[in-house]
């Protein structure tokens, strides 16, 4: 629990100081909360997100189609992202990349920054 608390504090600080993009922070939090694979989160499209029923309907995971039931905290993150006025409504991806209409391709650099801050 201590590690999760410290990680969340680092994610909050990284969001505040803009050292990690909001998309990368959301991806890390969704990975922590859902148990999804990295590729499932990075390639997640809004059409697979069911906020009303608190679920992700993944059509093609490693094991085939599956439903992921979301905990309330994950639903809150997704709802916030969905309602964000700065979100590119034309981008089908939940975890957006730098280019318009793209997805985040690599979380490695952001994760390294977060881990380094968490160790201090």
N, C-alpha and C. Protein backbone atom coordinates (compact mmCIF):
# COMPACT_ATOMS: atom_id res chain seq x y z
N UNK A 1 0.81 -1.19 0.00
CA UNK A 1 0.00 0.00 0.00
C UNK A 1 0.87 1.26 0.00
N UNK A 2 1.98 1.17 0.73
CA UNK A 2 2.90 2.31 0.80
C UNK A 2 3.45 2.67 -0.59
N UNK A 3 3.79 1.65 -1.37
CA UNK A 3 4.32 1.88 -2.72
C UNK A 3 3.27 2.51 -3.63
N UNK A 4 2.04 2.05 -3.52
CA UNK A 4 0.95 2.61 -4.34
C UNK A 4 0.72 4.07 -3.97
N UNK A 5 0.73 4.36 -2.68
CA UNK A 5 0.55 5.73 -2.23
C UNK A 5 1.66 6.62 -2.75
N UNK A 6 2.90 6.14 -2.67
CA UNK A 6 4.04 6.91 -3.16
C UNK A 6 3.96 7.10 -4.67
N UNK A 7 3.59 6.05 -5.39
CA UNK A 7 3.46 6.15 -6.84
C UNK A 7 2.38 7.17 -7.23
N UNK A 8 1.24 7.13 -6.55
CA UNK A 8 0.18 8.10 -6.85
C UNK A 8 0.62 9.53 -6.55
N UNK A 9 1.39 9.72 -5.49
CA UNK A 9 1.91 11.05 -5.17
C UNK A 9 2.86 11.53 -6.27
N UNK A 10 3.70 10.64 -6.76
CA UNK A 10 4.63 11.00 -7.85
C UNK A 10 3.85 11.31 -9.13
N UNK A 11 2.82 10.53 -9.42
CA UNK A 11 2.00 10.80 -10.61
C UNK A 11 1.32 12.16 -10.49
N UNK A 12 0.80 12.48 -9.32
CA UNK A 12 0.19 13.79 -9.10
C UNK A 12 1.21 14.91 -9.30
N UNK A 13 2.40 14.74 -8.73
CA UNK A 13 3.46 15.75 -8.86
C UNK A 13 3.91 15.88 -10.31
N UNK A 14 4.00 14.77 -11.03
CA UNK A 14 4.42 14.79 -12.44
C UNK A 14 3.38 15.48 -13.31
N UNK A 15 2.13 15.34 -12.96
CA UNK A 15 1.07 16.04 -13.68
C UNK A 15 1.16 17.53 -13.41
N UNK A 16 1.38 17.89 -12.14
CA UNK A 16 1.47 19.30 -11.76
C UNK A 16 2.66 20.01 -12.40
N UNK A 17 3.82 19.35 -12.42
CA UNK A 17 5.01 20.00 -12.97
C UNK A 17 5.19 19.73 -14.47
N UNK A 18 4.25 18.98 -15.05
CA UNK A 18 4.21 18.69 -16.48
C UNK A 18 5.44 17.95 -16.99
N UNK A 19 6.07 17.17 -16.10
CA UNK A 19 7.24 16.38 -16.51
C UNK A 19 6.83 15.09 -17.22
N UNK A 20 5.55 14.71 -17.07
CA UNK A 20 5.00 13.54 -17.75
C UNK A 20 3.65 13.97 -18.31
N UNK A 21 3.35 13.53 -19.52
CA UNK A 21 2.10 13.95 -20.16
C UNK A 21 0.88 13.38 -19.44
N UNK A 22 -0.24 14.09 -19.48
CA UNK A 22 -1.46 13.56 -18.87
C UNK A 22 -1.86 12.20 -19.43
N UNK A 23 -1.63 11.97 -20.72
CA UNK A 23 -1.97 10.68 -21.32
C UNK A 23 -1.14 9.56 -20.71
N UNK A 24 0.15 9.80 -20.53
CA UNK A 24 1.02 8.78 -19.94
C UNK A 24 0.63 8.50 -18.50
N UNK A 25 0.29 9.54 -17.76
CA UNK A 25 -0.14 9.36 -16.37
C UNK A 25 -1.43 8.56 -16.33
N UNK A 26 -2.36 8.88 -17.21
CA UNK A 26 -3.62 8.13 -17.26
C UNK A 26 -3.35 6.67 -17.61
N UNK A 27 -2.45 6.43 -18.55
CA UNK A 27 -2.12 5.05 -18.94
C UNK A 27 -1.56 4.28 -17.75
N UNK A 28 -0.65 4.88 -17.01
CA UNK A 28 -0.05 4.21 -15.85
C UNK A 28 -1.13 3.90 -14.81
N UNK A 29 -1.98 4.86 -14.56
CA UNK A 29 -3.04 4.63 -13.56
C UNK A 29 -4.02 3.55 -14.02
N UNK A 30 -4.38 3.57 -15.30
CA UNK A 30 -5.29 2.54 -15.80
C UNK A 30 -4.64 1.16 -15.75
N UNK A 31 -3.36 1.09 -16.02
CA UNK A 31 -2.65 -0.19 -15.89
C UNK A 31 -2.70 -0.70 -14.45
N UNK A 32 -2.50 0.20 -13.51
CA UNK A 32 -2.53 -0.18 -12.09
C UNK A 32 -3.91 -0.66 -11.67
N UNK A 33 -4.94 -0.01 -12.18
CA UNK A 33 -6.31 -0.24 -11.69
C UNK A 33 -7.05 -1.36 -12.41
N UNK A 34 -6.65 -1.68 -13.63
CA UNK A 34 -7.43 -2.63 -14.42
C UNK A 34 -6.80 -4.01 -14.57
N UNK A 35 -5.49 -4.09 -14.45
CA UNK A 35 -4.82 -5.36 -14.71
C UNK A 35 -4.70 -5.66 -16.20
N UNK A 36 -5.04 -4.68 -17.03
CA UNK A 36 -4.91 -4.86 -18.49
C UNK A 36 -3.44 -4.90 -18.89
N UNK A 37 -3.19 -5.47 -20.03
CA UNK A 37 -1.85 -5.47 -20.61
C UNK A 37 -1.56 -4.07 -21.16
N UNK A 38 -0.28 -3.75 -21.26
CA UNK A 38 0.14 -2.46 -21.78
C UNK A 38 -0.48 -2.19 -23.15
N UNK A 39 -0.42 -3.16 -24.03
CA UNK A 39 -0.96 -2.96 -25.39
C UNK A 39 -2.46 -2.73 -25.36
N UNK A 40 -3.16 -3.35 -24.42
CA UNK A 40 -4.61 -3.15 -24.33
C UNK A 40 -4.95 -1.72 -23.94
N UNK A 41 -4.15 -1.12 -23.08
CA UNK A 41 -4.39 0.27 -22.67
C UNK A 41 -3.92 1.23 -23.75
N UNK A 42 -2.74 1.01 -24.31
CA UNK A 42 -2.22 1.94 -25.32
C UNK A 42 -3.05 1.93 -26.60
N UNK A 43 -3.67 0.81 -26.92
CA UNK A 43 -4.47 0.72 -28.15
C UNK A 43 -5.98 0.85 -27.87
N UNK A 44 -6.35 1.18 -26.64
CA UNK A 44 -7.75 1.30 -26.27
C UNK A 44 -8.42 2.45 -27.02
N UNK A 45 -9.54 2.14 -27.64
CA UNK A 45 -10.31 3.15 -28.35
C UNK A 45 -11.56 3.49 -27.56
N UNK A 46 -12.04 4.71 -27.73
CA UNK A 46 -13.23 5.15 -27.00
C UNK A 46 -14.44 4.28 -27.29
N UNK A 47 -14.53 3.72 -28.47
CA UNK A 47 -15.69 2.89 -28.80
C UNK A 47 -15.75 1.61 -27.97
N UNK A 48 -14.65 1.26 -27.31
CA UNK A 48 -14.62 0.06 -26.46
C UNK A 48 -14.85 0.38 -24.99
N UNK A 49 -15.01 1.66 -24.68
CA UNK A 49 -15.20 2.10 -23.30
C UNK A 49 -16.70 2.27 -23.04
N UNK A 50 -17.19 1.57 -22.05
CA UNK A 50 -18.60 1.66 -21.66
C UNK A 50 -18.66 2.27 -20.26
N UNK A 51 -18.71 3.60 -20.21
CA UNK A 51 -18.71 4.30 -18.93
C UNK A 51 -19.97 4.01 -18.12
N UNK A 52 -21.07 3.88 -18.81
CA UNK A 52 -22.35 3.63 -18.13
C UNK A 52 -22.31 2.32 -17.35
N UNK A 53 -21.71 1.30 -17.92
CA UNK A 53 -21.65 -0.01 -17.28
C UNK A 53 -20.30 -0.31 -16.63
N UNK A 54 -19.44 0.70 -16.58
CA UNK A 54 -18.13 0.57 -15.92
C UNK A 54 -17.33 -0.61 -16.48
N UNK A 55 -17.17 -0.60 -17.79
CA UNK A 55 -16.49 -1.74 -18.43
C UNK A 55 -15.71 -1.31 -19.66
N UNK A 56 -14.73 -2.12 -19.98
CA UNK A 56 -14.03 -2.04 -21.26
C UNK A 56 -14.41 -3.29 -22.03
N UNK A 57 -14.80 -3.14 -23.26
CA UNK A 57 -15.14 -4.29 -24.11
C UNK A 57 -14.05 -4.42 -25.16
N UNK A 58 -13.04 -5.20 -24.83
CA UNK A 58 -11.87 -5.34 -25.69
C UNK A 58 -12.12 -6.43 -26.73
N UNK A 59 -12.10 -6.06 -28.01
CA UNK A 59 -12.42 -7.03 -29.05
C UNK A 59 -11.29 -8.00 -29.36
N UNK A 60 -10.04 -7.59 -29.07
CA UNK A 60 -8.92 -8.42 -29.50
C UNK A 60 -7.78 -8.31 -28.51
N UNK A 61 -7.88 -9.00 -27.39
CA UNK A 61 -6.77 -9.05 -26.44
C UNK A 61 -5.94 -10.29 -26.76
N UNK A 62 -4.92 -10.53 -26.00
CA UNK A 62 -4.06 -11.69 -26.24
C UNK A 62 -4.85 -13.00 -26.17
N UNK A 63 -5.88 -13.00 -25.34
CA UNK A 63 -6.69 -14.21 -25.17
C UNK A 63 -8.02 -14.14 -25.93
N UNK A 64 -8.17 -13.16 -26.82
CA UNK A 64 -9.42 -12.98 -27.55
C UNK A 64 -10.25 -11.86 -26.95
N UNK A 65 -11.49 -11.76 -27.40
CA UNK A 65 -12.37 -10.72 -26.90
C UNK A 65 -12.63 -10.92 -25.41
N UNK A 66 -12.67 -9.81 -24.68
CA UNK A 66 -12.97 -9.91 -23.25
C UNK A 66 -13.54 -8.61 -22.72
N UNK A 67 -14.25 -8.73 -21.62
CA UNK A 67 -14.79 -7.56 -20.92
C UNK A 67 -13.97 -7.37 -19.65
N UNK A 68 -13.59 -6.13 -19.41
CA UNK A 68 -12.87 -5.78 -18.19
C UNK A 68 -13.80 -4.90 -17.36
N UNK A 69 -14.17 -5.37 -16.19
CA UNK A 69 -15.00 -4.58 -15.29
C UNK A 69 -14.10 -3.56 -14.61
N UNK A 70 -14.52 -2.29 -14.64
CA UNK A 70 -13.70 -1.22 -14.10
C UNK A 70 -14.04 -0.90 -12.65
N UNK A 71 -13.02 -0.70 -11.83
CA UNK A 71 -13.30 -0.20 -10.49
C UNK A 71 -13.72 1.27 -10.61
N UNK A 72 -14.41 1.80 -9.61
CA UNK A 72 -14.88 3.18 -9.69
C UNK A 72 -13.77 4.19 -10.00
N UNK A 73 -12.58 4.00 -9.45
CA UNK A 73 -11.50 4.95 -9.69
C UNK A 73 -11.07 4.96 -11.16
N UNK A 74 -11.08 3.82 -11.82
CA UNK A 74 -10.74 3.77 -13.25
C UNK A 74 -11.84 4.43 -14.08
N UNK A 75 -13.09 4.20 -13.70
CA UNK A 75 -14.20 4.84 -14.40
C UNK A 75 -14.09 6.36 -14.26
N UNK A 76 -13.74 6.84 -13.09
CA UNK A 76 -13.57 8.28 -12.87
C UNK A 76 -12.49 8.86 -13.77
N UNK A 77 -11.38 8.17 -13.90
CA UNK A 77 -10.29 8.64 -14.77
C UNK A 77 -10.79 8.72 -16.21
N UNK A 78 -11.43 7.68 -16.67
CA UNK A 78 -11.93 7.65 -18.05
C UNK A 78 -13.01 8.70 -18.28
N UNK A 79 -13.89 8.89 -17.31
CA UNK A 79 -14.94 9.91 -17.44
C UNK A 79 -14.32 11.30 -17.54
N UNK A 80 -13.33 11.57 -16.68
CA UNK A 80 -12.64 12.85 -16.71
C UNK A 80 -11.98 13.08 -18.07
N UNK A 81 -11.30 12.05 -18.56
CA UNK A 81 -10.63 12.16 -19.87
C UNK A 81 -11.65 12.38 -20.98
N UNK A 82 -12.75 11.66 -20.92
CA UNK A 82 -13.79 11.76 -21.94
C UNK A 82 -14.39 13.16 -21.99
N UNK A 83 -14.59 13.76 -20.81
CA UNK A 83 -15.24 15.07 -20.72
C UNK A 83 -14.27 16.24 -20.85
N UNK A 84 -12.98 15.96 -20.89
CA UNK A 84 -11.97 17.02 -20.96
C UNK A 84 -12.17 17.86 -22.21
N UNK A 85 -12.32 19.17 -22.02
CA UNK A 85 -12.55 20.08 -23.14
C UNK A 85 -11.37 20.13 -24.10
N UNK A 86 -10.19 19.82 -23.62
CA UNK A 86 -9.00 19.87 -24.48
C UNK A 86 -8.79 18.57 -25.26
N UNK A 87 -9.60 17.57 -24.99
CA UNK A 87 -9.46 16.29 -25.70
C UNK A 87 -9.81 16.45 -27.17
N UNK A 88 -9.02 15.84 -28.03
CA UNK A 88 -9.29 15.81 -29.47
C UNK A 88 -10.42 14.81 -29.70
N UNK A 89 -11.61 15.33 -29.93
CA UNK A 89 -12.80 14.48 -30.07
C UNK A 89 -12.74 13.60 -31.32
N UNK A 90 -11.87 13.94 -32.25
CA UNK A 90 -11.72 13.15 -33.47
C UNK A 90 -10.77 11.96 -33.28
N UNK A 91 -9.99 11.99 -32.21
CA UNK A 91 -9.02 10.92 -31.95
C UNK A 91 -9.76 9.72 -31.36
N UNK A 92 -9.69 8.58 -32.02
CA UNK A 92 -10.40 7.41 -31.49
C UNK A 92 -9.73 6.79 -30.26
N UNK A 93 -8.47 7.15 -29.99
CA UNK A 93 -7.72 6.51 -28.91
C UNK A 93 -7.90 7.22 -27.57
N UNK A 94 -8.01 6.45 -26.53
CA UNK A 94 -8.14 6.98 -25.17
C UNK A 94 -6.81 7.60 -24.74
N UNK A 95 -5.73 6.89 -24.96
CA UNK A 95 -4.40 7.38 -24.58
C UNK A 95 -3.77 8.01 -25.82
N UNK A 96 -3.95 9.30 -25.94
CA UNK A 96 -3.54 10.00 -27.16
C UNK A 96 -2.04 10.25 -27.20
N UNK A 97 -1.56 10.32 -28.43
CA UNK A 97 -0.16 10.61 -28.67
C UNK A 97 0.05 12.09 -28.94
N UNK A 98 1.25 12.44 -29.34
CA UNK A 98 1.58 13.85 -29.60
C UNK A 98 0.95 14.36 -30.89
N UNK A 99 0.88 13.50 -31.89
CA UNK A 99 0.32 13.89 -33.18
C UNK A 99 -1.20 13.81 -33.13
N UNK A 100 -1.86 14.70 -33.81
CA UNK A 100 -3.32 14.73 -33.87
C UNK A 100 -3.86 13.39 -34.38
N UNK A 101 -4.79 12.82 -33.65
CA UNK A 101 -5.42 11.57 -34.06
C UNK A 101 -4.61 10.32 -33.79
N UNK A 102 -3.49 10.46 -33.07
CA UNK A 102 -2.62 9.30 -32.83
C UNK A 102 -2.74 8.80 -31.39
N UNK A 103 -2.17 7.64 -31.17
CA UNK A 103 -2.13 7.07 -29.82
C UNK A 103 -0.71 7.14 -29.30
N UNK A 104 -0.58 7.05 -27.99
CA UNK A 104 0.73 6.97 -27.38
C UNK A 104 1.34 5.63 -27.77
N UNK A 105 2.53 5.65 -28.30
CA UNK A 105 3.18 4.44 -28.79
C UNK A 105 4.03 3.78 -27.71
N UNK A 106 4.73 4.61 -26.93
CA UNK A 106 5.70 4.07 -25.98
C UNK A 106 5.55 4.78 -24.64
N UNK A 107 5.42 4.00 -23.59
CA UNK A 107 5.29 4.54 -22.25
C UNK A 107 6.62 4.48 -21.49
N UNK A 108 7.62 3.92 -22.11
CA UNK A 108 8.89 3.64 -21.42
C UNK A 108 9.55 4.88 -20.83
N UNK A 109 9.72 5.95 -21.60
CA UNK A 109 10.40 7.15 -21.09
C UNK A 109 9.65 7.76 -19.92
N UNK A 110 8.35 7.83 -20.04
CA UNK A 110 7.54 8.39 -18.95
C UNK A 110 7.64 7.52 -17.70
N UNK A 111 7.58 6.21 -17.88
CA UNK A 111 7.65 5.30 -16.75
C UNK A 111 9.01 5.40 -16.06
N UNK A 112 10.08 5.56 -16.81
CA UNK A 112 11.42 5.71 -16.23
C UNK A 112 11.48 6.99 -15.38
N UNK A 113 10.90 8.10 -15.91
CA UNK A 113 10.86 9.35 -15.14
C UNK A 113 10.10 9.17 -13.82
N UNK A 114 8.96 8.51 -13.90
CA UNK A 114 8.13 8.30 -12.72
C UNK A 114 8.86 7.42 -11.70
N UNK A 115 9.46 6.34 -12.16
CA UNK A 115 10.19 5.46 -11.24
C UNK A 115 11.34 6.19 -10.56
N UNK A 116 12.05 7.01 -11.32
CA UNK A 116 13.18 7.75 -10.76
C UNK A 116 12.70 8.69 -9.66
N UNK A 117 11.60 9.40 -9.92
CA UNK A 117 11.04 10.31 -8.90
C UNK A 117 10.56 9.53 -7.68
N UNK A 118 9.98 8.39 -7.89
CA UNK A 118 9.43 7.59 -6.79
C UNK A 118 10.52 7.05 -5.87
N UNK A 119 11.72 6.86 -6.39
CA UNK A 119 12.83 6.34 -5.58
C UNK A 119 13.42 7.42 -4.68
N UNK A 120 13.24 8.68 -5.05
CA UNK A 120 13.82 9.80 -4.27
C UNK A 120 12.99 10.12 -3.05
